[in-house]
Amino acid sequence: MRSFSFIQTRYWRFAHVSDLGMSLVEMIIALMMLVSFGAVFVAFTEFTSQFMREAESSLPGSQGLLVDHHDLQMAMDQMVEILSQPGLASSDLQAIEQKGCVYDPMSGSLDDMSSGWGLPGESLRVPPGYKFCLRSTSLSEASIGSLLNGAKPAIYFIQALPDDVSAASLPTRRIFCRPKPFC
């Protein structure tokens, strides 16, 4: 029994000595590490936020890159819905291609060389500074009779091109097939 109390006494002395906490030198080193980590974190955050501020505010009227791209995708969905219908003849799409890139595809008329393509439907919600272009690919449009006999439908794409390419305004595109019933 005596040996147990001796071991127990030694253990308590050792535990009591090691439980004193950090020394002053250890405390200063720990605080210096904490302050240096905080300084590096704040510097990195300021550095990255500087680029984000520039990217988000370069265009007046812009709501930021993500919102602008969402609006562009929604506008292109609406245009694809109209352009992929078989009611538009392939000559109408060729006329639209001849007009080139426009800011408002819903304005104007298909017949004249106006400022828009003259697409039917309600106006589009488009971010400022983007032009829309319609381009055809090597898969050109076949006649309805050929499509009924198994010919492949045409592939087109719409591009939304910004006036100035930057981190706040990037180009985007949408590929679509027409006429829609044969896709």
C-alpha atoms as a PDB file:
ATOM      1  CA  MET A   1       0.000   0.000   0.000  1.00  0.00           C
ATOM      2  CA  ARG A   2       2.880   2.279   0.744  1.00  0.00           C
ATOM      3  CA  SER A   3       4.229   2.009  -2.812  1.00  0.00           C
ATOM      4  CA  PHE A   4       0.888   3.093  -4.223  1.00  0.00           C
ATOM      5  CA  SER A   5       0.824   6.299  -2.160  1.00  0.00           C
ATOM      6  CA  PHE A   6       4.395   7.054  -3.196  1.00  0.00           C
ATOM      7  CA  ILE A   7       3.508   6.750  -6.912  1.00  0.00           C
ATOM      8  CA  GLN A   8       0.357   8.751  -6.366  1.00  0.00           C
ATOM      9  CA  THR A   9       2.306  11.546  -4.653  1.00  0.00           C
ATOM     10  CA  ARG A  10       4.862  11.680  -7.445  1.00  0.00           C
ATOM     11  CA  TYR A  11       2.132  11.758 -10.067  1.00  0.00           C
ATOM     12  CA  TRP A  12       0.331  14.647  -8.408  1.00  0.00           C
ATOM     13  CA  ARG A  13       3.558  16.615  -8.112  1.00  0.00           C
ATOM     14  CA  PHE A  14       4.299  16.081 -11.819  1.00  0.00           C
ATOM     15  CA  ALA A  15       0.758  16.978 -12.883  1.00  0.00           C
ATOM     16  CA  HIS A  16       0.781  20.011 -10.644  1.00  0.00           C
ATOM     17  CA  VAL A  17       4.085  21.273 -12.076  1.00  0.00           C
ATOM     18  CA  SER A  18       3.006  20.794 -15.722  1.00  0.00           C
ATOM     19  CA  ASP A  19      -0.370  22.473 -15.100  1.00  0.00           C
ATOM     20  CA  LEU A  20       1.146  25.896 -14.546  1.00  0.00           C
ATOM     21  CA  GLY A  21       0.230  27.077 -18.078  1.00  0.00           C
ATOM     22  CA  MET A  22       2.298  28.882 -20.714  1.00  0.00           C
ATOM     23  CA  SER A  23       5.384  30.804 -19.960  1.00  0.00           C
ATOM     24  CA  LEU A  24       5.639  34.474 -20.915  1.00  0.00           C
ATOM     25  CA  VAL A  25       7.814  33.638 -23.946  1.00  0.00           C
ATOM     26  CA  GLU A  26       5.290  31.071 -25.197  1.00  0.00           C
ATOM     27  CA  MET A  27       2.478  33.586 -24.754  1.00  0.00           C
ATOM     28  CA  ILE A  28       4.333  36.279 -26.754  1.00  0.00           C
ATOM     29  CA  ILE A  29       5.082  33.808 -29.583  1.00  0.00           C
ATOM     30  CA  ALA A  30       1.433  32.662 -29.690  1.00  0.00           C
ATOM     31  CA  LEU A  31       0.181  36.254 -29.840  1.00  0.00           C
ATOM     32  CA  MET A  32       2.666  37.118 -32.595  1.00  0.00           C
ATOM     33  CA  MET A  33       1.454  34.141 -34.636  1.00  0.00           C
ATOM     34  CA  LEU A  34      -2.169  35.195 -34.132  1.00  0.00           C
ATOM     35  CA  VAL A  35      -1.480  38.777 -35.176  1.00  0.00           C
ATOM     36  CA  SER A  36       0.544  37.730 -38.239  1.00  0.00           C
ATOM     37  CA  PHE A  37      -2.203  35.322 -39.359  1.00  0.00           C
ATOM     38  CA  GLY A  38      -4.821  38.061 -38.938  1.00  0.00           C
ATOM     39  CA  ALA A  39      -2.696  40.543 -40.902  1.00  0.00           C
ATOM     40  CA  VAL A  40      -2.184  38.091 -43.784  1.00  0.00           C
ATOM     41  CA  PHE A  41      -5.909  37.283 -43.838  1.00  0.00           C
ATOM     42  CA  VAL A  42      -6.929  40.951 -43.934  1.00  0.00           C
ATOM     43  CA  ALA A  43      -4.359  41.759 -46.647  1.00  0.00           C
ATOM     44  CA  PHE A  44      -5.544  38.864 -48.810  1.00  0.00           C
ATOM     45  CA  THR A  45      -9.197  39.838 -48.346  1.00  0.00           C
ATOM     46  CA  GLU A  46      -8.507  43.458 -49.301  1.00  0.00           C
ATOM     47  CA  PHE A  47      -6.508  42.369 -52.349  1.00  0.00           C
ATOM     48  CA  THR A  48      -9.247  40.081 -53.684  1.00  0.00           C
ATOM     49  CA  SER A  49     -12.075  42.496 -52.899  1.00  0.00           C
ATOM     50  CA  GLN A  50     -10.294  45.192 -54.922  1.00  0.00           C
ATOM     51  CA  PHE A  51     -10.598  43.006 -58.038  1.00  0.00           C
ATOM     52  CA  MET A  52     -14.199  42.127 -57.269  1.00  0.00           C
ATOM     53  CA  ARG A  53     -15.116  45.809 -56.907  1.00  0.00           C
ATOM     54  CA  GLU A  54     -13.573  46.574 -60.306  1.00  0.00           C
ATOM     55  CA  ALA A  55     -15.311  43.612 -61.904  1.00  0.00           C
ATOM     56  CA  GLU A  56     -18.739  44.461 -60.529  1.00  0.00           C
ATOM     57  CA  SER A  57     -18.863  48.176 -61.243  1.00  0.00           C
ATOM     58  CA  SER A  58     -17.358  48.782 -64.665  1.00  0.00           C
ATOM     59  CA  LEU A  59     -20.650  49.233 -66.577  1.00  0.00           C
ATOM     60  CA  PRO A  60     -23.262  51.790 -65.564  1.00  0.00           C
ATOM     61  CA  GLY A  61     -26.653  50.126 -65.240  1.00  0.00           C
ATOM     62  CA  SER A  62     -25.072  46.706 -64.747  1.00  0.00           C
ATOM     63  CA  GLN A  63     -26.231  44.570 -61.852  1.00  0.00           C
ATOM     64  CA  GLY A  64     -23.098  42.455 -61.699  1.00  0.00           C
ATOM     65  CA  LEU A  65     -21.754  39.683 -63.879  1.00  0.00           C
ATOM     66  CA  LEU A  66     -23.953  36.862 -62.567  1.00  0.00           C
ATOM     67  CA  VAL A  67     -27.206  38.809 -62.813  1.00  0.00           C
ATOM     68  CA  ASP A  68     -26.258  40.166 -66.244  1.00  0.00           C
ATOM     69  CA  HIS A  69     -25.487  36.685 -67.558  1.00  0.00           C
ATOM     70  CA  HIS A  70     -28.736  35.360 -66.159  1.00  0.00           C
ATOM     71  CA  ASP A  71     -30.623  38.145 -67.962  1.00  0.00           C
ATOM     72  CA  LEU A  72     -28.707  37.392 -71.172  1.00  0.00           C
ATOM     73  CA  GLN A  73     -29.513  33.682 -70.948  1.00  0.00           C
ATOM     74  CA  MET A  74     -33.196  34.460 -70.349  1.00  0.00           C
ATOM     75  CA  ALA A  75     -33.243  36.835 -73.348  1.00  0.00           C
ATOM     76  CA  MET A  76     -31.531  34.249 -75.538  1.00  0.00           C
ATOM     77  CA  ASP A  77     -34.050  31.617 -74.402  1.00  0.00           C
ATOM     78  CA  GLN A  78     -36.827  33.905 -75.571  1.00  0.00           C
ATOM     79  CA  MET A  79     -35.102  34.533 -78.919  1.00  0.00           C
ATOM     80  CA  VAL A  80     -34.391  30.822 -79.466  1.00  0.00           C
ATOM     81  CA  GLU A  81     -38.043  30.053 -78.803  1.00  0.00           C
ATOM     82  CA  ILE A  82     -39.002  32.448 -81.608  1.00  0.00           C
ATOM     83  CA  LEU A  83     -36.207  31.650 -84.080  1.00  0.00           C
ATOM     84  CA  SER A  84     -36.547  27.870 -83.839  1.00  0.00           C
ATOM     85  CA  GLN A  85     -40.196  27.867 -84.954  1.00  0.00           C
ATOM     86  CA  PRO A  86     -40.893  26.572 -88.469  1.00  0.00           C
ATOM     87  CA  GLY A  87     -43.066  29.644 -89.133  1.00  0.00           C
ATOM     88  CA  LEU A  88     -39.921  31.650 -89.882  1.00  0.00           C
ATOM     89  CA  ALA A  89     -38.513  30.799 -93.273  1.00  0.00           C
ATOM     90  CA  SER A  90     -34.817  30.158 -93.776  1.00  0.00           C
ATOM     91  CA  SER A  91     -34.720  33.328 -95.884  1.00  0.00           C
ATOM     92  CA  ASP A  92     -35.858  35.288 -92.796  1.00  0.00           C
ATOM     93  CA  LEU A  93     -32.921  33.922 -90.817  1.00  0.00           C
ATOM     94  CA  GLN A  94     -30.560  34.777 -93.665  1.00  0.00           C
ATOM     95  CA  ALA A  95     -31.940  38.333 -93.638  1.00  0.00           C
ATOM     96  CA  ILE A  96     -31.331  38.502 -89.883  1.00  0.00           C
ATOM     97  CA  GLU A  97     -27.749  37.306 -90.417  1.00  0.00           C
ATOM     98  CA  GLN A  98     -27.260  39.991 -93.085  1.00  0.00           C
ATOM     99  CA  LYS A  99     -28.353  42.704 -90.636  1.00  0.00           C
ATOM    100  CA  GLY A 100     -25.505  41.753 -88.332  1.00  0.00           C
ATOM    101  CA  CYS A 101     -25.284  42.426 -84.625  1.00  0.00           C
ATOM    102  CA  VAL A 102     -27.985  44.560 -82.993  1.00  0.00           C
ATOM    103  CA  TYR A 103     -28.665  45.902 -79.510  1.00  0.00           C
ATOM    104  CA  ASP A 104     -32.425  45.264 -79.573  1.00  0.00           C
ATOM    105  CA  PRO A 105     -33.479  42.253 -81.664  1.00  0.00           C
ATOM    106  CA  MET A 106     -37.184  42.841 -81.015  1.00  0.00           C
ATOM    107  CA  SER A 107     -37.276  46.312 -82.580  1.00  0.00           C
ATOM    108  CA  GLY A 108     -37.446  47.119 -86.264  1.00  0.00           C
ATOM    109  CA  SER A 109     -38.747  44.935 -89.052  1.00  0.00           C
ATOM    110  CA  LEU A 110     -37.542  41.837 -90.862  1.00  0.00           C
ATOM    111  CA  ASP A 111     -38.076  43.538 -94.224  1.00  0.00           C
ATOM    112  CA  ASP A 112     -35.984  46.696 -93.893  1.00  0.00           C
ATOM    113  CA  MET A 113     -32.434  47.271 -92.705  1.00  0.00           C
ATOM    114  CA  SER A 114     -33.543  48.869 -89.448  1.00  0.00           C
ATOM    115  CA  SER A 115     -31.781  48.846 -86.109  1.00  0.00           C
ATOM    116  CA  GLY A 116     -33.289  45.512 -85.026  1.00  0.00           C
ATOM    117  CA  TRP A 117     -34.315  42.129 -86.322  1.00  0.00           C
ATOM    118  CA  GLY A 118     -38.033  42.699 -85.878  1.00  0.00           C
ATOM    119  CA  LEU A 119     -38.732  39.519 -83.928  1.00  0.00           C
ATOM    120  CA  PRO A 120     -42.278  39.165 -82.611  1.00  0.00           C
ATOM    121  CA  GLY A 121     -42.867  39.156 -78.883  1.00  0.00           C
ATOM    122  CA  GLU A 122     -42.348  41.351 -75.883  1.00  0.00           C
ATOM    123  CA  SER A 123     -39.199  43.381 -75.379  1.00  0.00           C
ATOM    124  CA  LEU A 124     -36.168  41.740 -73.812  1.00  0.00           C
ATOM    125  CA  ARG A 125     -34.537  42.631 -70.517  1.00  0.00           C
ATOM    126  CA  VAL A 126     -30.949  43.019 -71.656  1.00  0.00           C
ATOM    127  CA  PRO A 127     -27.954  44.380 -69.710  1.00  0.00           C
ATOM    128  CA  PRO A 128     -26.408  47.548 -71.148  1.00  0.00           C
ATOM    129  CA  GLY A 129     -23.641  47.274 -73.722  1.00  0.00           C
ATOM    130  CA  TYR A 130     -24.479  43.894 -75.287  1.00  0.00           C
ATOM    131  CA  LYS A 131     -25.163  43.229 -78.971  1.00  0.00           C
ATOM    132  CA  PHE A 132     -26.847  40.091 -80.250  1.00  0.00           C
ATOM    133  CA  CYS A 133     -25.601  38.310 -83.361  1.00  0.00           C
ATOM    134  CA  LEU A 134     -27.128  35.372 -85.216  1.00  0.00           C
ATOM    135  CA  ARG A 135     -24.736  33.006 -86.975  1.00  0.00           C
ATOM    136  CA  SER A 136     -25.297  29.838 -88.963  1.00  0.00           C
ATOM    137  CA  THR A 137     -23.056  26.779 -88.929  1.00  0.00           C
ATOM    138  CA  SER A 138     -22.045  24.364 -91.659  1.00  0.00           C
ATOM    139  CA  LEU A 139     -25.272  22.417 -91.061  1.00  0.00           C
ATOM    140  CA  SER A 140     -27.472  24.552 -93.292  1.00  0.00           C
ATOM    141  CA  GLU A 141     -31.222  24.415 -93.334  1.00  0.00           C
ATOM    142  CA  ALA A 142     -32.881  21.940 -95.688  1.00  0.00           C
ATOM    143  CA  SER A 143     -36.351  22.147 -97.156  1.00  0.00           C
ATOM    144  CA  ILE A 144     -39.331  20.678 -95.302  1.00  0.00           C
ATOM    145  CA  GLY A 145     -39.550  17.807 -97.820  1.00  0.00           C
ATOM    146  CA  SER A 146     -35.910  16.900 -97.210  1.00  0.00           C
ATOM    147  CA  LEU A 147     -36.423  17.083 -93.447  1.00  0.00           C
ATOM    148  CA  LEU A 148     -39.389  14.718 -93.715  1.00  0.00           C
ATOM    149  CA  ASN A 149     -37.173  12.274 -95.652  1.00  0.00           C
ATOM    150  CA  GLY A 150     -34.530  12.255 -92.910  1.00  0.00           C
ATOM    151  CA  ALA A 151     -32.278  15.246 -93.628  1.00  0.00           C
ATOM    152  CA  LYS A 152     -30.634  16.860 -90.636  1.00  0.00           C
ATOM    153  CA  PRO A 153     -32.005  20.142 -89.255  1.00  0.00           C
ATOM    154  CA  ALA A 154     -29.937  23.326 -89.230  1.00  0.00           C
ATOM    155  CA  ILE A 155     -27.790  24.465 -86.318  1.00  0.00           C
ATOM    156  CA  TYR A 156     -27.512  28.162 -85.461  1.00  0.00           C
ATOM    157  CA  PHE A 157     -26.102  30.085 -82.565  1.00  0.00           C
ATOM    158  CA  ILE A 158     -26.797  33.426 -80.968  1.00  0.00           C
ATOM    159  CA  GLN A 159     -23.944  35.418 -79.515  1.00  0.00           C
ATOM    160  CA  ALA A 160     -24.236  38.164 -76.922  1.00  0.00           C
ATOM    161  CA  LEU A 161     -21.140  40.290 -77.422  1.00  0.00           C
ATOM    162  CA  PRO A 162     -20.268  43.118 -75.026  1.00  0.00           C
ATOM    163  CA  ASP A 163     -18.932  46.417 -76.320  1.00  0.00           C
ATOM    164  CA  ASP A 164     -15.896  46.049 -74.043  1.00  0.00           C
ATOM    165  CA  VAL A 165     -14.776  42.614 -72.913  1.00  0.00           C
ATOM    166  CA  SER A 166     -13.725  42.761 -69.260  1.00  0.00           C
ATOM    167  CA  ALA A 167     -14.198  40.827 -66.052  1.00  0.00           C
ATOM    168  CA  ALA A 168     -17.588  42.527 -65.659  1.00  0.00           C
ATOM    169  CA  SER A 169     -18.880  41.824 -69.166  1.00  0.00           C
ATOM    170  CA  LEU A 170     -18.068  38.553 -70.866  1.00  0.00           C
ATOM    171  CA  PRO A 171     -19.436  37.215 -74.164  1.00  0.00           C
ATOM    172  CA  THR A 172     -21.877  34.343 -74.114  1.00  0.00           C
ATOM    173  CA  ARG A 173     -23.605  32.222 -76.731  1.00  0.00           C
ATOM    174  CA  ARG A 174     -26.499  29.830 -77.191  1.00  0.00           C
ATOM    175  CA  ILE A 175     -26.603  27.022 -79.748  1.00  0.00           C
ATOM    176  CA  PHE A 176     -29.969  25.935 -81.087  1.00  0.00           C
ATOM    177  CA  CYS A 177     -31.503  23.731 -83.736  1.00  0.00           C
ATOM    178  CA  ARG A 178     -34.249  24.663 -86.178  1.00  0.00           C
ATOM    179  CA  PRO A 179     -36.948  23.980 -87.239  1.00  0.00           C
ATOM    180  CA  LYS A 180     -37.944  22.853 -83.768  1.00  0.00           C
ATOM    181  CA  PRO A 181     -40.203  19.887 -84.665  1.00  0.00           C
ATOM    182  CA  PHE A 182     -37.269  18.164 -86.420  1.00  0.00           C
ATOM    183  CA  CYS A 183     -34.693  18.630 -83.648  1.00  0.00           C
END
